[in-house]
């Protein structure tokens, strides 16, 4: 049970950092989705902590935004 809470918190924190970084770069969810070849709702799900991104997705996301992956983690 404790691990689930920790994982959820980390996924939620990732989503918050993703949103903050995207907004600082003045990019919309649609801009990022287009660069990644995914639907805008996928980006929304990541930002809301509803999706658990893989390391590959985090790397692609960082590249699309123009930051290092560590900035999202």
PDB file of N, CA and C in Angstrom:
ATOM      1  N   UNK A   1       0.835  -1.202   0.000  1.00  0.00           N
ATOM      2  CA  UNK A   1       0.000   0.000   0.000  1.00  0.00           C
ATOM      3  C   UNK A   1       0.872   1.256   0.000  1.00  0.00           C
ATOM      4  N   UNK A   2       1.874   1.296   0.826  1.00  0.00           N
ATOM      5  CA  UNK A   2       2.749   2.468   0.922  1.00  0.00           C
ATOM      6  C   UNK A   2       3.433   2.763  -0.411  1.00  0.00           C
ATOM      7  N   UNK A   3       3.867   1.714  -1.126  1.00  0.00           N
ATOM      8  CA  UNK A   3       4.535   1.882  -2.413  1.00  0.00           C
ATOM      9  C   UNK A   3       3.584   2.541  -3.408  1.00  0.00           C
ATOM     10  N   UNK A   4       2.321   2.147  -3.405  1.00  0.00           N
ATOM     11  CA  UNK A   4       1.334   2.739  -4.303  1.00  0.00           C
ATOM     12  C   UNK A   4       1.204   4.243  -4.067  1.00  0.00           C
ATOM     13  N   UNK A   5       1.206   4.654  -2.806  1.00  0.00           N
ATOM     14  CA  UNK A   5       1.091   6.076  -2.476  1.00  0.00           C
ATOM     15  C   UNK A   5       2.320   6.840  -2.952  1.00  0.00           C
ATOM     16  N   UNK A   6       3.482   6.254  -2.778  1.00  0.00           N
ATOM     17  CA  UNK A   6       4.723   6.893  -3.209  1.00  0.00           C
ATOM     18  C   UNK A   6       4.740   7.024  -4.727  1.00  0.00           C
ATOM     19  N   UNK A   7       4.355   5.959  -5.432  1.00  0.00           N
ATOM     20  CA  UNK A   7       4.322   5.984  -6.898  1.00  0.00           C
ATOM     21  C   UNK A   7       3.352   7.050  -7.391  1.00  0.00           C
ATOM     22  N   UNK A   8       2.175   7.116  -6.807  1.00  0.00           N
ATOM     23  CA  UNK A   8       1.167   8.095  -7.224  1.00  0.00           C
ATOM     24  C   UNK A   8       1.695   9.511  -7.014  1.00  0.00           C
ATOM     25  N   UNK A   9       2.361   9.732  -5.881  1.00  0.00           N
ATOM     26  CA  UNK A   9       2.909  11.053  -5.603  1.00  0.00           C
ATOM     27  C   UNK A   9       3.972  11.424  -6.628  1.00  0.00           C
ATOM     28  N   UNK A  10       4.839  10.490  -6.984  1.00  0.00           N
ATOM     29  CA  UNK A  10       5.892  10.755  -7.966  1.00  0.00           C
ATOM     30  C   UNK A  10       5.310  11.032  -9.355  1.00  0.00           C
ATOM     31  N   UNK A  11       4.288  10.281  -9.727  1.00  0.00           N
ATOM     32  CA  UNK A  11       3.639  10.492 -11.026  1.00  0.00           C
ATOM     33  C   UNK A  11       2.960  11.860 -11.055  1.00  0.00           C
ATOM     34  N   UNK A  12       2.318  12.222  -9.955  1.00  0.00           N
ATOM     35  CA  UNK A  12       1.673  13.535  -9.858  1.00  0.00           C
ATOM     36  C   UNK A  12       2.711  14.656  -9.917  1.00  0.00           C
ATOM     37  N   UNK A  13       3.823  14.486  -9.216  1.00  0.00           N
ATOM     38  CA  UNK A  13       4.886  15.496  -9.240  1.00  0.00           C
ATOM     39  C   UNK A  13       5.478  15.652 -10.633  1.00  0.00           C
ATOM     40  N   UNK A  14       5.660  14.539 -11.340  1.00  0.00           N
ATOM     41  CA  UNK A  14       6.148  14.602 -12.714  1.00  0.00           C
ATOM     42  C   UNK A  14       5.199  15.443 -13.563  1.00  0.00           C
ATOM     43  N   UNK A  15       3.906  15.181 -13.427  1.00  0.00           N
ATOM     44  CA  UNK A  15       2.909  15.920 -14.200  1.00  0.00           C
ATOM     45  C   UNK A  15       2.953  17.410 -13.932  1.00  0.00           C
ATOM     46  N   UNK A  16       3.136  17.775 -12.671  1.00  0.00           N
ATOM     47  CA  UNK A  16       3.225  19.198 -12.318  1.00  0.00           C
ATOM     48  C   UNK A  16       4.465  19.835 -12.936  1.00  0.00           C
ATOM     49  N   UNK A  17       5.596  19.131 -12.871  1.00  0.00           N
ATOM     50  CA  UNK A  17       6.829  19.670 -13.462  1.00  0.00           C
ATOM     51  C   UNK A  17       6.710  19.767 -14.973  1.00  0.00           C
ATOM     52  N   UNK A  18       6.071  18.779 -15.576  1.00  0.00           N
ATOM     53  CA  UNK A  18       5.860  18.802 -17.018  1.00  0.00           C
ATOM     54  C   UNK A  18       5.038  20.035 -17.408  1.00  0.00           C
ATOM     55  N   UNK A  19       3.949  20.266 -16.709  1.00  0.00           N
ATOM     56  CA  UNK A  19       3.084  21.410 -17.017  1.00  0.00           C
ATOM     57  C   UNK A  19       3.821  22.736 -16.814  1.00  0.00           C
ATOM     58  N   UNK A  20       4.512  22.874 -15.686  1.00  0.00           N
ATOM     59  CA  UNK A  20       5.248  24.108 -15.400  1.00  0.00           C
ATOM     60  C   UNK A  20       6.312  24.371 -16.471  1.00  0.00           C
ATOM     61  N   UNK A  21       7.030  23.334 -16.847  1.00  0.00           N
ATOM     62  CA  UNK A  21       8.090  23.482 -17.855  1.00  0.00           C
ATOM     63  C   UNK A  21       7.489  23.830 -19.212  1.00  0.00           C
ATOM     64  N   UNK A  22       6.396  23.163 -19.567  1.00  0.00           N
ATOM     65  CA  UNK A  22       5.735  23.437 -20.847  1.00  0.00           C
ATOM     66  C   UNK A  22       5.260  24.888 -20.908  1.00  0.00           C
ATOM     67  N   UNK A  23       4.670  25.362 -19.828  1.00  0.00           N
ATOM     68  CA  UNK A  23       4.163  26.731 -19.807  1.00  0.00           C
ATOM     69  C   UNK A  23       5.302  27.751 -19.861  1.00  0.00           C
ATOM     70  N   UNK A  24       6.413  27.463 -19.181  1.00  0.00           N
ATOM     71  CA  UNK A  24       7.575  28.357 -19.244  1.00  0.00           C
ATOM     72  C   UNK A  24       8.093  28.485 -20.669  1.00  0.00           C
ATOM     73  N   UNK A  25       7.985  27.400 -21.431  1.00  0.00           N
ATOM     74  CA  UNK A  25       8.432  27.393 -22.830  1.00  0.00           C
ATOM     75  C   UNK A  25       7.357  27.912 -23.776  1.00  0.00           C
ATOM     76  N   UNK A  26       6.223  28.311 -23.188  1.00  0.00           N
ATOM     77  CA  UNK A  26       5.090  28.849 -23.956  1.00  0.00           C
ATOM     78  C   UNK A  26       4.591  27.869 -25.034  1.00  0.00           C
ATOM     79  N   UNK A  27       4.472  26.627 -24.615  1.00  0.00           N
ATOM     80  CA  UNK A  27       3.978  25.578 -25.504  1.00  0.00           C
ATOM     81  C   UNK A  27       2.625  25.092 -25.014  1.00  0.00           C
ATOM     82  N   UNK A  28       1.753  24.743 -25.939  1.00  0.00           N
ATOM     83  CA  UNK A  28       0.460  24.176 -25.571  1.00  0.00           C
ATOM     84  C   UNK A  28       0.579  22.653 -25.505  1.00  0.00           C
ATOM     85  N   UNK A  29      -0.413  22.039 -24.912  1.00  0.00           N
ATOM     86  CA  UNK A  29      -0.441  20.577 -24.908  1.00  0.00           C
ATOM     87  C   UNK A  29      -0.473  20.056 -26.338  1.00  0.00           C
ATOM     88  N   UNK A  30      -1.189  20.759 -27.200  1.00  0.00           N
ATOM     89  CA  UNK A  30      -1.269  20.374 -28.602  1.00  0.00           C
ATOM     90  C   UNK A  30       0.079  20.453 -29.308  1.00  0.00           C
ATOM     91  N   UNK A  31       0.871  21.462 -28.961  1.00  0.00           N
ATOM     92  CA  UNK A  31       2.209  21.592 -29.549  1.00  0.00           C
ATOM     93  C   UNK A  31       3.057  20.372 -29.221  1.00  0.00           C
ATOM     94  N   UNK A  32       3.041  19.979 -27.957  1.00  0.00           N
ATOM     95  CA  UNK A  32       3.834  18.832 -27.508  1.00  0.00           C
ATOM     96  C   UNK A  32       3.298  17.548 -28.134  1.00  0.00           C
ATOM     97  N   UNK A  33       1.989  17.397 -28.135  1.00  0.00           N
ATOM     98  CA  UNK A  33       1.372  16.201 -28.706  1.00  0.00           C
ATOM     99  C   UNK A  33       1.755  16.037 -30.171  1.00  0.00           C
ATOM    100  N   UNK A  34       1.740  17.126 -30.898  1.00  0.00           N
ATOM    101  CA  UNK A  34       2.091  17.068 -32.317  1.00  0.00           C
ATOM    102  C   UNK A  34       3.536  16.621 -32.512  1.00  0.00           C
ATOM    103  N   UNK A  35       4.438  17.158 -31.699  1.00  0.00           N
ATOM    104  CA  UNK A  35       5.849  16.780 -31.797  1.00  0.00           C
ATOM    105  C   UNK A  35       6.070  15.301 -31.486  1.00  0.00           C
ATOM    106  N   UNK A  36       5.257  14.765 -30.572  1.00  0.00           N
ATOM    107  CA  UNK A  36       5.406  13.369 -30.156  1.00  0.00           C
ATOM    108  C   UNK A  36       4.569  12.404 -30.984  1.00  0.00           C
ATOM    109  N   UNK A  37       3.630  12.939 -31.741  1.00  0.00           N
ATOM    110  CA  UNK A  37       2.757  12.077 -32.530  1.00  0.00           C
ATOM    111  C   UNK A  37       1.717  11.367 -31.681  1.00  0.00           C
ATOM    112  N   UNK A  38       1.242  12.059 -30.638  1.00  0.00           N
ATOM    113  CA  UNK A  38       0.207  11.504 -29.762  1.00  0.00           C
ATOM    114  C   UNK A  38      -0.963  12.491 -29.695  1.00  0.00           C
ATOM    115  N   UNK A  39      -2.055  12.067 -29.098  1.00  0.00           N
ATOM    116  CA  UNK A  39      -3.216  12.942 -28.940  1.00  0.00           C
ATOM    117  C   UNK A  39      -2.990  13.891 -27.765  1.00  0.00           C
ATOM    118  N   UNK A  40      -3.570  15.061 -27.843  1.00  0.00           N
ATOM    119  CA  UNK A  40      -3.439  16.058 -26.781  1.00  0.00           C
ATOM    120  C   UNK A  40      -3.906  15.510 -25.435  1.00  0.00           C
ATOM    121  N   UNK A  41      -4.906  14.650 -25.453  1.00  0.00           N
ATOM    122  CA  UNK A  41      -5.416  14.090 -24.202  1.00  0.00           C
ATOM    123  C   UNK A  41      -4.363  13.243 -23.490  1.00  0.00           C
ATOM    124  N   UNK A  42      -3.413  12.681 -24.230  1.00  0.00           N
ATOM    125  CA  UNK A  42      -2.326  11.924 -23.606  1.00  0.00           C
ATOM    126  C   UNK A  42      -1.456  12.863 -22.763  1.00  0.00           C
ATOM    127  N   UNK A  43      -1.145  14.031 -23.306  1.00  0.00           N
ATOM    128  CA  UNK A  43      -0.347  15.023 -22.578  1.00  0.00           C
ATOM    129  C   UNK A  43      -1.119  15.488 -21.345  1.00  0.00           C
ATOM    130  N   UNK A  44      -2.403  15.713 -21.513  1.00  0.00           N
ATOM    131  CA  UNK A  44      -3.258  16.110 -20.395  1.00  0.00           C
ATOM    132  C   UNK A  44      -3.224  15.051 -19.289  1.00  0.00           C
ATOM    133  N   UNK A  45      -3.316  13.789 -19.669  1.00  0.00           N
ATOM    134  CA  UNK A  45      -3.270  12.706 -18.694  1.00  0.00           C
ATOM    135  C   UNK A  45      -1.952  12.658 -17.938  1.00  0.00           C
ATOM    136  N   UNK A  46      -0.857  12.916 -18.646  1.00  0.00           N
ATOM    137  CA  UNK A  46       0.456  12.967 -17.986  1.00  0.00           C
ATOM    138  C   UNK A  46       0.497  14.108 -16.977  1.00  0.00           C
ATOM    139  N   UNK A  47       0.033  15.273 -17.391  1.00  0.00           N
ATOM    140  CA  UNK A  47       0.080  16.446 -16.519  1.00  0.00           C
ATOM    141  C   UNK A  47      -0.814  16.298 -15.290  1.00  0.00           C
ATOM    142  N   UNK A  48      -1.887  15.571 -15.416  1.00  0.00           N
ATOM    143  CA  UNK A  48      -2.807  15.374 -14.295  1.00  0.00           C
ATOM    144  C   UNK A  48      -2.415  14.187 -13.422  1.00  0.00           C
ATOM    145  N   UNK A  49      -1.338  13.491 -13.784  1.00  0.00           N
ATOM    146  CA  UNK A  49      -0.898  12.344 -13.003  1.00  0.00           C
ATOM    147  C   UNK A  49      -1.755  11.115 -13.202  1.00  0.00           C
ATOM    148  N   UNK A  50      -2.468  11.056 -14.321  1.00  0.00           N
ATOM    149  CA  UNK A  50      -3.338   9.919 -14.618  1.00  0.00           C
ATOM    150  C   UNK A  50      -2.626   8.851 -15.437  1.00  0.00           C
ATOM    151  N   UNK A  51      -1.467   9.191 -15.974  1.00  0.00           N
ATOM    152  CA  UNK A  51      -0.687   8.250 -16.782  1.00  0.00           C
ATOM    153  C   UNK A  51       0.710   8.126 -16.202  1.00  0.00           C
ATOM    154  N   UNK A  52       1.260   6.936 -16.291  1.00  0.00           N
ATOM    155  CA  UNK A  52       2.593   6.660 -15.782  1.00  0.00           C
ATOM    156  C   UNK A  52       3.545   6.545 -16.983  1.00  0.00           C
ATOM    157  N   UNK A  53       4.342   7.579 -17.252  1.00  0.00           N
ATOM    158  CA  UNK A  53       5.186   7.561 -18.437  1.00  0.00           C
ATOM    159  C   UNK A  53       6.400   6.646 -18.278  1.00  0.00           C
ATOM    160  N   UNK A  54       6.812   6.042 -19.374  1.00  0.00           N
ATOM    161  CA  UNK A  54       8.034   5.242 -19.381  1.00  0.00           C
ATOM    162  C   UNK A  54       9.241   6.183 -19.468  1.00  0.00           C
ATOM    163  N   UNK A  55      10.415   5.646 -19.237  1.00  0.00           N
ATOM    164  CA  UNK A  55      11.633   6.454 -19.381  1.00  0.00           C
ATOM    165  C   UNK A  55      11.785   6.956 -20.810  1.00  0.00           C
ATOM    166  N   UNK A  56      11.433   6.127 -21.778  1.00  0.00           N
ATOM    167  CA  UNK A  56      11.501   6.538 -23.180  1.00  0.00           C
ATOM    168  C   UNK A  56      10.573   7.728 -23.428  1.00  0.00           C
ATOM    169  N   UNK A  57       9.372   7.674 -22.886  1.00  0.00           N
ATOM    170  CA  UNK A  57       8.422   8.779 -23.040  1.00  0.00           C
ATOM    171  C   UNK A  57       8.948  10.043 -22.379  1.00  0.00           C
ATOM    172  N   UNK A  58       9.536   9.908 -21.199  1.00  0.00           N
ATOM    173  CA  UNK A  58      10.096  11.074 -20.509  1.00  0.00           C
ATOM    174  C   UNK A  58      11.199  11.703 -21.341  1.00  0.00           C
ATOM    175  N   UNK A  59      12.054  10.875 -21.937  1.00  0.00           N
ATOM    176  CA  UNK A  59      13.124  11.399 -22.791  1.00  0.00           C
ATOM    177  C   UNK A  59      12.567  12.102 -24.025  1.00  0.00           C
ATOM    178  N   UNK A  60      11.576  11.505 -24.657  1.00  0.00           N
ATOM    179  CA  UNK A  60      10.953  12.130 -25.833  1.00  0.00           C
ATOM    180  C   UNK A  60      10.275  13.443 -25.454  1.00  0.00           C
ATOM    181  N   UNK A  61       9.610  13.438 -24.319  1.00  0.00           N
ATOM    182  CA  UNK A  61       8.912  14.633 -23.838  1.00  0.00           C
ATOM    183  C   UNK A  61       9.907  15.764 -23.608  1.00  0.00           C
ATOM    184  N   UNK A  62      10.999  15.456 -22.935  1.00  0.00           N
ATOM    185  CA  UNK A  62      12.022  16.464 -22.654  1.00  0.00           C
ATOM    186  C   UNK A  62      12.583  17.039 -23.954  1.00  0.00           C
ATOM    187  N   UNK A  63      12.857  16.183 -24.905  1.00  0.00           N
ATOM    188  CA  UNK A  63      13.388  16.637 -26.191  1.00  0.00           C
ATOM    189  C   UNK A  63      12.377  17.543 -26.905  1.00  0.00           C
ATOM    190  N   UNK A  64      11.110  17.162 -26.863  1.00  0.00           N
ATOM    191  CA  UNK A  64      10.064  17.955 -27.517  1.00  0.00           C
ATOM    192  C   UNK A  64       9.924  19.341 -26.884  1.00  0.00           C
ATOM    193  N   UNK A  65      10.154  19.419 -25.575  1.00  0.00           N
ATOM    194  CA  UNK A  65      10.038  20.690 -24.866  1.00  0.00           C
ATOM    195  C   UNK A  65      11.328  21.505 -24.959  1.00  0.00           C
ATOM    196  N   UNK A  66      12.442  20.784 -25.144  1.00  0.00           N
ATOM    197  CA  UNK A  66      13.717  21.470 -25.244  1.00  0.00           C
ATOM    198  C   UNK A  66      14.450  21.588 -23.914  1.00  0.00           C
ATOM    199  N   UNK A  67      14.297  20.542 -23.074  1.00  0.00           N
ATOM    200  CA  UNK A  67      14.975  20.522 -21.776  1.00  0.00           C
ATOM    201  C   UNK A  67      15.640  19.169 -21.585  1.00  0.00           C
ATOM    202  N   UNK A  68      16.445  19.057 -20.560  1.00  0.00           N
ATOM    203  CA  UNK A  68      17.038  17.777 -20.178  1.00  0.00           C
ATOM    204  C   UNK A  68      15.994  16.972 -19.405  1.00  0.00           C
ATOM    205  N   UNK A  69      15.981  15.646 -19.568  1.00  0.00           N
ATOM    206  CA  UNK A  69      15.016  14.826 -18.839  1.00  0.00           C
ATOM    207  C   UNK A  69      15.019  15.072 -17.334  1.00  0.00           C
ATOM    208  N   UNK A  70      16.176  15.334 -16.768  1.00  0.00           N
ATOM    209  CA  UNK A  70      16.258  15.547 -15.306  1.00  0.00           C
ATOM    210  C   UNK A  70      15.405  16.725 -14.847  1.00  0.00           C
ATOM    211  N   UNK A  71      15.142  17.680 -15.734  1.00  0.00           N
ATOM    212  CA  UNK A  71      14.301  18.821 -15.360  1.00  0.00           C
ATOM    213  C   UNK A  71      12.848  18.412 -15.142  1.00  0.00           C
ATOM    214  N   UNK A  72      12.448  17.308 -15.737  1.00  0.00           N
ATOM    215  CA  UNK A  72      11.086  16.813 -15.566  1.00  0.00           C
ATOM    216  C   UNK A  72      10.990  15.839 -14.407  1.00  0.00           C
ATOM    217  N   UNK A  73      12.125  15.312 -14.001  1.00  0.00           N
ATOM    218  CA  UNK A  73      12.146  14.340 -12.901  1.00  0.00           C
ATOM    219  C   UNK A  73      12.478  15.033 -11.629  1.00  0.00           C
TER     220      UNK A  73
END
